[in-house]
Amino acid sequence: MNLYDKTVVVTGAGNGVGRELTIQLLARGAKVACVDINPDALAETLRLTSMYAGRVSGFTADITDRSAIEKLRYAIIEQFDTVDALINNAGIIHPFLQVEETDFSTIERVMRVNFFGALNMTKTFLPCLHEQPNAFIVNLSSAGALCPMPGEITYGASKSAVRLFTEGLRLELRRSGIRVMAVFPGGINTNIIRNSDVVVASSIDQLRERLAFILLTPNKVARKIINGIERNQSRLVLGIDAVIMDVLCRISPRLAPRILFGIIDSILAPHVQPNSVTPKA
């Protein structure tokens, strides 16, 4: 799909990958409707893209609120006339806890944002996408949907729901002009922990620095996604960690998850437990 002069809706555009998607899409000649629940973060994205005034607009919206998303669709159409592509990027994680330690309200919030948010946006904007001869839907799943991740099982479940939803949607729309792509990023060096209001040990930043050679940058993830759209790809596995998980779990669906789970748990456990946070003076 040629993105030049196409209108792309990007959720979670106030930070990280969403902000980079916005910047790079604009640089390639697209028009972007930036959606985020945080008006301050959204304002910063718009400030950074002020040189593209006229081709970018911000819309504050809660993607878990169906009525708000209906209003959002009308607002975007009024601004841009059409929608050619939708990138469901917005997502959150939960505290690194086992399932029995995680309260239901936290689990429900993660499912509402990660799965129902993508579902709400997709169902609401599908009529607009069907009006175009060529259109695209991109849903960001996660490496956590390829292999269980310690402390983030319900997050992985939400992203697994996104995975199956995306793969099924691709089959449903196979005779239409709408392409559908699922993205499975590994670790990304973003502020998703802080943006999700998750408390972790202060040493998590030190761990992130040590693993910088593995972690993807938002810039690289955005570039790969946009390249994938332009090449009409249907599946992207991004990052060496995600690729390893994907390959090993295909080779040995029973043994590989057990081994990977143990390795990841030994690396993360000392850095993600809230009770290990150093008290402030």
Protein backbone atom coordinates (compact mmCIF):
# COMPACT_ATOMS: atom_id res chain seq x y z
CA MET A 1 0.00 0.00 0.00
CA ASN A 2 1.36 3.39 -0.98
CA LEU A 3 0.92 5.64 2.05
CA TYR A 4 1.46 8.94 0.27
CA ASP A 5 -1.55 11.24 0.86
CA LYS A 6 -3.37 8.45 2.72
CA THR A 7 -5.09 9.12 6.04
CA VAL A 8 -3.87 6.88 8.86
CA VAL A 9 -5.43 6.63 12.33
CA VAL A 10 -2.88 5.82 15.03
CA THR A 11 -3.89 4.99 18.60
CA GLY A 12 -1.52 5.50 21.50
CA ALA A 13 0.06 8.33 19.50
CA GLY A 14 1.14 10.29 22.58
CA ASN A 15 4.20 8.20 23.39
CA GLY A 16 6.70 5.61 22.23
CA VAL A 17 5.90 3.64 19.11
CA GLY A 18 2.70 5.60 18.44
CA ARG A 19 4.58 8.89 18.40
CA GLU A 20 7.27 7.46 16.14
CA LEU A 21 4.63 6.05 13.80
CA THR A 22 3.09 9.50 13.56
CA ILE A 23 6.42 11.21 12.82
CA GLN A 24 7.51 8.66 10.21
CA LEU A 25 4.13 8.43 8.49
CA LEU A 26 4.08 12.19 8.08
CA ALA A 27 7.63 12.12 6.72
CA ARG A 28 6.46 9.65 4.05
CA GLY A 29 3.65 11.95 2.96
CA ALA A 30 0.71 10.46 4.86
CA LYS A 31 -1.90 12.34 6.86
CA VAL A 32 -2.26 11.21 10.47
CA ALA A 33 -5.11 11.29 12.98
CA CYS A 34 -3.37 10.90 16.34
CA VAL A 35 -5.48 9.31 19.08
CA ASP A 36 -4.51 9.13 22.74
CA ILE A 37 -6.23 9.22 26.13
CA ASN A 38 -3.57 11.57 27.53
CA PRO A 39 -4.06 15.13 26.21
CA ASP A 40 -0.65 16.33 27.43
CA ALA A 41 1.20 13.48 25.69
CA LEU A 42 -0.85 14.10 22.56
CA ALA A 43 -0.01 17.80 22.66
CA GLU A 44 3.71 16.94 22.78
CA THR A 45 3.38 14.71 19.70
CA LEU A 46 1.64 17.54 17.87
CA ARG A 47 4.36 19.96 18.94
CA LEU A 48 7.01 17.65 17.56
CA THR A 49 5.14 17.41 14.24
CA SER A 50 4.17 21.07 13.96
CA MET A 51 6.04 21.36 10.64
CA TYR A 52 3.37 19.09 9.15
CA ALA A 53 0.46 21.35 10.16
CA GLY A 54 -2.55 20.61 7.99
CA ARG A 55 -1.69 16.93 7.68
CA VAL A 56 -1.84 15.96 11.36
CA SER A 57 -4.49 16.38 14.04
CA GLY A 58 -4.88 15.15 17.59
CA PHE A 59 -7.96 13.53 19.08
CA THR A 60 -8.25 12.78 22.79
CA ALA A 61 -10.32 9.63 23.27
CA ASP A 62 -10.70 6.55 25.45
CA ILE A 63 -10.62 3.57 23.11
CA THR A 64 -12.49 1.42 25.65
CA ASP A 65 -15.54 3.71 25.37
CA ARG A 66 -17.59 2.68 22.32
CA SER A 67 -19.72 5.81 22.26
CA ALA A 68 -16.59 7.96 22.40
CA ILE A 69 -15.10 6.03 19.48
CA GLU A 70 -18.24 6.62 17.41
CA LYS A 71 -17.84 10.36 17.99
CA LEU A 72 -14.15 10.03 17.18
CA ARG A 73 -14.93 8.50 13.79
CA TYR A 74 -17.18 11.41 12.86
CA ALA A 75 -14.57 13.92 14.03
CA ILE A 76 -11.81 12.29 11.99
CA ILE A 77 -13.96 12.02 8.86
CA GLU A 78 -14.95 15.66 9.24
CA GLN A 79 -11.27 16.60 9.45
CA PHE A 80 -9.78 14.30 6.80
CA ASP A 81 -12.80 13.13 4.71
CA THR A 82 -11.53 9.54 4.52
CA VAL A 83 -9.66 6.90 6.50
CA ASP A 84 -7.32 4.60 4.59
CA ALA A 85 -5.49 2.80 7.40
CA LEU A 86 -5.88 2.04 11.09
CA ILE A 87 -2.99 1.18 13.40
CA ASN A 88 -4.14 -0.20 16.76
CA ASN A 89 -1.00 0.53 18.75
CA ALA A 90 -2.35 1.58 22.17
CA GLY A 91 -1.73 -0.89 24.97
CA ILE A 92 -0.87 -1.24 28.65
CA ILE A 93 0.68 -3.83 30.94
CA HIS A 94 -0.14 -4.77 34.52
CA PRO A 95 2.04 -5.27 37.61
CA PHE A 96 4.41 -8.24 37.30
CA LEU A 97 2.37 -10.65 39.40
CA GLN A 98 1.10 -14.19 39.14
CA VAL A 99 -2.52 -14.65 38.13
CA GLU A 100 -3.69 -15.50 41.66
CA GLU A 101 -2.06 -12.30 42.95
CA THR A 102 -3.61 -10.04 40.29
CA ASP A 103 -6.97 -8.49 41.14
CA PHE A 104 -9.87 -8.74 38.73
CA SER A 105 -10.14 -4.99 38.16
CA THR A 106 -6.54 -4.90 36.88
CA ILE A 107 -7.10 -7.88 34.59
CA GLU A 108 -10.30 -6.34 33.23
CA ARG A 109 -8.58 -3.01 32.58
CA VAL A 110 -5.80 -4.69 30.59
CA MET A 111 -8.33 -6.66 28.54
CA ARG A 112 -10.44 -3.54 27.91
CA VAL A 113 -7.52 -1.50 26.63
CA ASN A 114 -5.51 -4.13 24.77
CA PHE A 115 -8.23 -6.28 23.24
CA PHE A 116 -11.52 -4.40 23.38
CA GLY A 117 -9.77 -1.15 22.46
CA ALA A 118 -8.50 -2.72 19.24
CA LEU A 119 -11.88 -4.37 18.66
CA ASN A 120 -13.79 -1.12 19.21
CA MET A 121 -11.57 0.84 16.84
CA THR A 122 -11.67 -1.87 14.17
CA LYS A 123 -15.44 -2.35 14.17
CA THR A 124 -16.07 1.39 14.24
CA PHE A 125 -13.71 2.23 11.38
CA LEU A 126 -14.33 -0.80 9.13
CA PRO A 127 -17.15 0.96 7.22
CA CYS A 128 -14.75 3.81 6.40
CA LEU A 129 -12.04 1.40 5.29
CA HIS A 130 -14.48 -0.51 3.05
CA GLU A 131 -15.12 2.71 1.15
CA GLN A 132 -11.51 2.77 -0.08
CA PRO A 133 -10.20 0.62 -2.95
CA ASN A 134 -7.20 -0.26 -0.79
CA ALA A 135 -7.02 -0.04 2.99
CA PHE A 136 -4.99 -1.46 5.86
CA ILE A 137 -5.46 -2.55 9.48
CA VAL A 138 -2.46 -3.11 11.74
CA ASN A 139 -2.89 -4.64 15.19
CA LEU A 140 0.01 -4.74 17.61
CA SER A 141 0.06 -8.02 19.48
CA SER A 142 3.19 -9.00 21.43
CA ALA A 143 5.88 -11.60 21.90
CA GLY A 144 3.81 -12.41 24.99
CA ALA A 145 1.25 -13.92 22.61
CA LEU A 146 3.91 -16.25 21.20
CA CYS A 147 5.16 -17.59 24.53
CA PRO A 148 3.96 -17.11 28.15
CA MET A 149 5.88 -14.36 29.96
CA PRO A 150 6.44 -14.60 33.74
CA GLY A 151 4.41 -12.07 35.70
CA GLU A 152 2.50 -10.96 32.59
CA ILE A 153 0.23 -13.92 31.87
CA THR A 154 -3.01 -11.94 31.61
CA TYR A 155 -1.27 -9.28 29.52
CA GLY A 156 -0.20 -12.10 27.21
CA ALA A 157 -3.77 -13.40 27.16
CA SER A 158 -5.02 -9.97 26.04
CA LYS A 159 -2.42 -9.88 23.28
CA SER A 160 -3.22 -13.48 22.31
CA ALA A 161 -6.81 -12.34 21.85
CA VAL A 162 -5.52 -9.58 19.58
CA ARG A 163 -3.50 -12.17 17.66
CA LEU A 164 -6.42 -14.51 16.99
CA PHE A 165 -8.76 -11.60 16.26
CA THR A 166 -6.31 -10.22 13.70
CA GLU A 167 -5.66 -13.56 12.02
CA GLY A 168 -9.38 -14.29 11.83
CA LEU A 169 -10.16 -10.80 10.54
CA ARG A 170 -7.59 -11.26 7.78
CA LEU A 171 -9.50 -14.33 6.59
CA GLU A 172 -12.87 -12.60 6.81
CA LEU A 173 -11.61 -9.68 4.72
CA ARG A 174 -9.59 -11.73 2.22
CA ARG A 175 -11.95 -10.90 -0.66
CA SER A 176 -12.05 -7.20 0.15
CA GLY A 177 -9.52 -4.46 -0.48
CA ILE A 178 -8.55 -4.35 3.19
CA ARG A 179 -5.21 -5.87 4.19
CA VAL A 180 -4.65 -6.95 7.80
CA MET A 181 -1.32 -7.31 9.58
CA ALA A 182 -0.43 -8.67 13.03
CA VAL A 183 2.75 -7.35 14.68
CA PHE A 184 4.60 -9.25 17.41
CA PRO A 185 7.26 -7.00 18.96
CA GLY A 186 9.67 -8.24 21.57
CA GLY A 187 11.04 -5.94 24.26
CA ILE A 188 10.83 -2.26 23.32
CA ASN A 189 12.67 0.52 25.11
CA THR A 190 9.61 2.65 25.95
CA ASN A 191 7.89 4.05 29.03
CA ILE A 192 5.03 1.53 28.93
CA ILE A 193 5.63 0.56 32.57
CA ARG A 194 5.27 4.13 33.78
CA ASN A 195 2.43 4.93 31.36
CA SER A 196 0.56 1.87 32.66
CA ASP A 197 0.96 3.07 36.29
CA VAL A 198 2.91 -0.08 37.16
CA VAL A 199 5.27 0.08 40.15
CA VAL A 200 8.53 -1.85 39.77
CA ALA A 201 11.93 -1.93 41.41
CA SER A 202 14.15 1.09 40.76
CA SER A 203 16.76 -1.24 39.26
CA ILE A 204 14.56 -1.86 36.21
CA ASP A 205 16.26 1.08 34.46
CA GLN A 206 19.66 -0.53 35.05
CA LEU A 207 18.37 -3.80 33.59
CA ARG A 208 17.01 -1.94 30.59
CA GLU A 209 20.43 -0.38 29.99
CA ARG A 210 22.14 -3.78 30.16
CA LEU A 211 19.64 -5.27 27.71
CA ALA A 212 19.72 -2.31 25.34
CA PHE A 213 21.39 -4.43 22.65
CA ILE A 214 18.30 -6.68 22.59
CA LEU A 215 15.57 -4.10 23.12
CA LEU A 216 13.97 -2.53 20.07
CA THR A 217 13.75 1.24 19.78
CA PRO A 218 10.36 2.84 19.03
CA ASN A 219 11.96 4.34 15.92
CA LYS A 220 12.90 0.91 14.55
CA VAL A 221 9.53 -0.66 15.39
CA ALA A 222 7.67 2.16 13.66
CA ARG A 223 9.90 1.91 10.58
CA LYS A 224 9.39 -1.85 10.33
CA ILE A 225 5.61 -1.49 10.66
CA ILE A 226 5.40 1.19 7.99
CA ASN A 227 7.62 -0.86 5.67
CA GLY A 228 5.33 -3.82 6.33
CA ILE A 229 2.29 -1.80 5.30
CA GLU A 230 3.98 -0.64 2.10
CA ARG A 231 4.94 -4.24 1.29
CA ASN A 232 1.47 -5.59 2.12
CA GLN A 233 2.82 -7.97 4.75
CA SER A 234 0.44 -9.91 6.99
CA ARG A 235 2.76 -10.83 9.88
CA LEU A 236 5.75 -9.18 11.52
CA VAL A 237 7.85 -10.66 14.34
CA LEU A 238 10.19 -7.93 15.56
CA GLY A 239 13.27 -8.24 17.75
CA ILE A 240 15.71 -11.06 18.34
CA ASP A 241 13.90 -12.12 21.52
CA ALA A 242 10.55 -12.40 19.74
CA VAL A 243 12.10 -14.26 16.80
CA ILE A 244 13.74 -16.78 19.14
CA MET A 245 10.46 -17.32 21.01
CA ASP A 246 8.56 -17.74 17.76
CA VAL A 247 11.00 -20.26 16.28
CA LEU A 248 11.54 -22.34 19.42
CA CYS A 249 7.84 -22.51 20.30
CA ARG A 250 7.10 -23.73 16.77
CA ILE A 251 9.79 -26.41 17.03
CA SER A 252 8.84 -27.57 20.52
CA PRO A 253 5.46 -26.20 21.66
CA ARG A 254 5.69 -27.97 25.04
CA LEU A 255 9.35 -27.77 26.04
CA ALA A 256 10.36 -24.37 24.67
CA PRO A 257 7.84 -22.30 26.69
CA ARG A 258 9.00 -23.98 29.93
CA ILE A 259 12.65 -23.23 29.24
CA LEU A 260 12.03 -19.67 28.04
CA PHE A 261 9.71 -18.94 30.96
CA GLY A 262 12.38 -19.99 33.44
CA ILE A 263 15.15 -18.00 31.74
CA ILE A 264 13.09 -14.82 31.50
CA ASP A 265 11.84 -15.17 35.07
CA SER A 266 15.41 -15.44 36.41
CA ILE A 267 16.36 -12.24 34.59
CA LEU A 268 13.28 -10.17 35.40
CA ALA A 269 12.27 -11.28 38.89
CA PRO A 270 14.78 -9.19 40.89
CA HIS A 271 13.83 -6.04 39.00
CA VAL A 272 10.04 -6.09 38.66
CA GLN A 273 8.75 -6.91 42.12
CA PRO A 274 7.20 -3.80 43.70
CA ASN A 275 8.36 -4.78 47.22
CA SER A 276 11.98 -4.40 46.13
CA VAL A 277 11.59 -0.72 45.31
CA THR A 278 14.00 1.39 47.34
CA PRO A 279 11.98 3.64 49.72
CA LYS A 280 12.28 7.36 49.13
CA ALA A 281 13.99 9.41 51.84
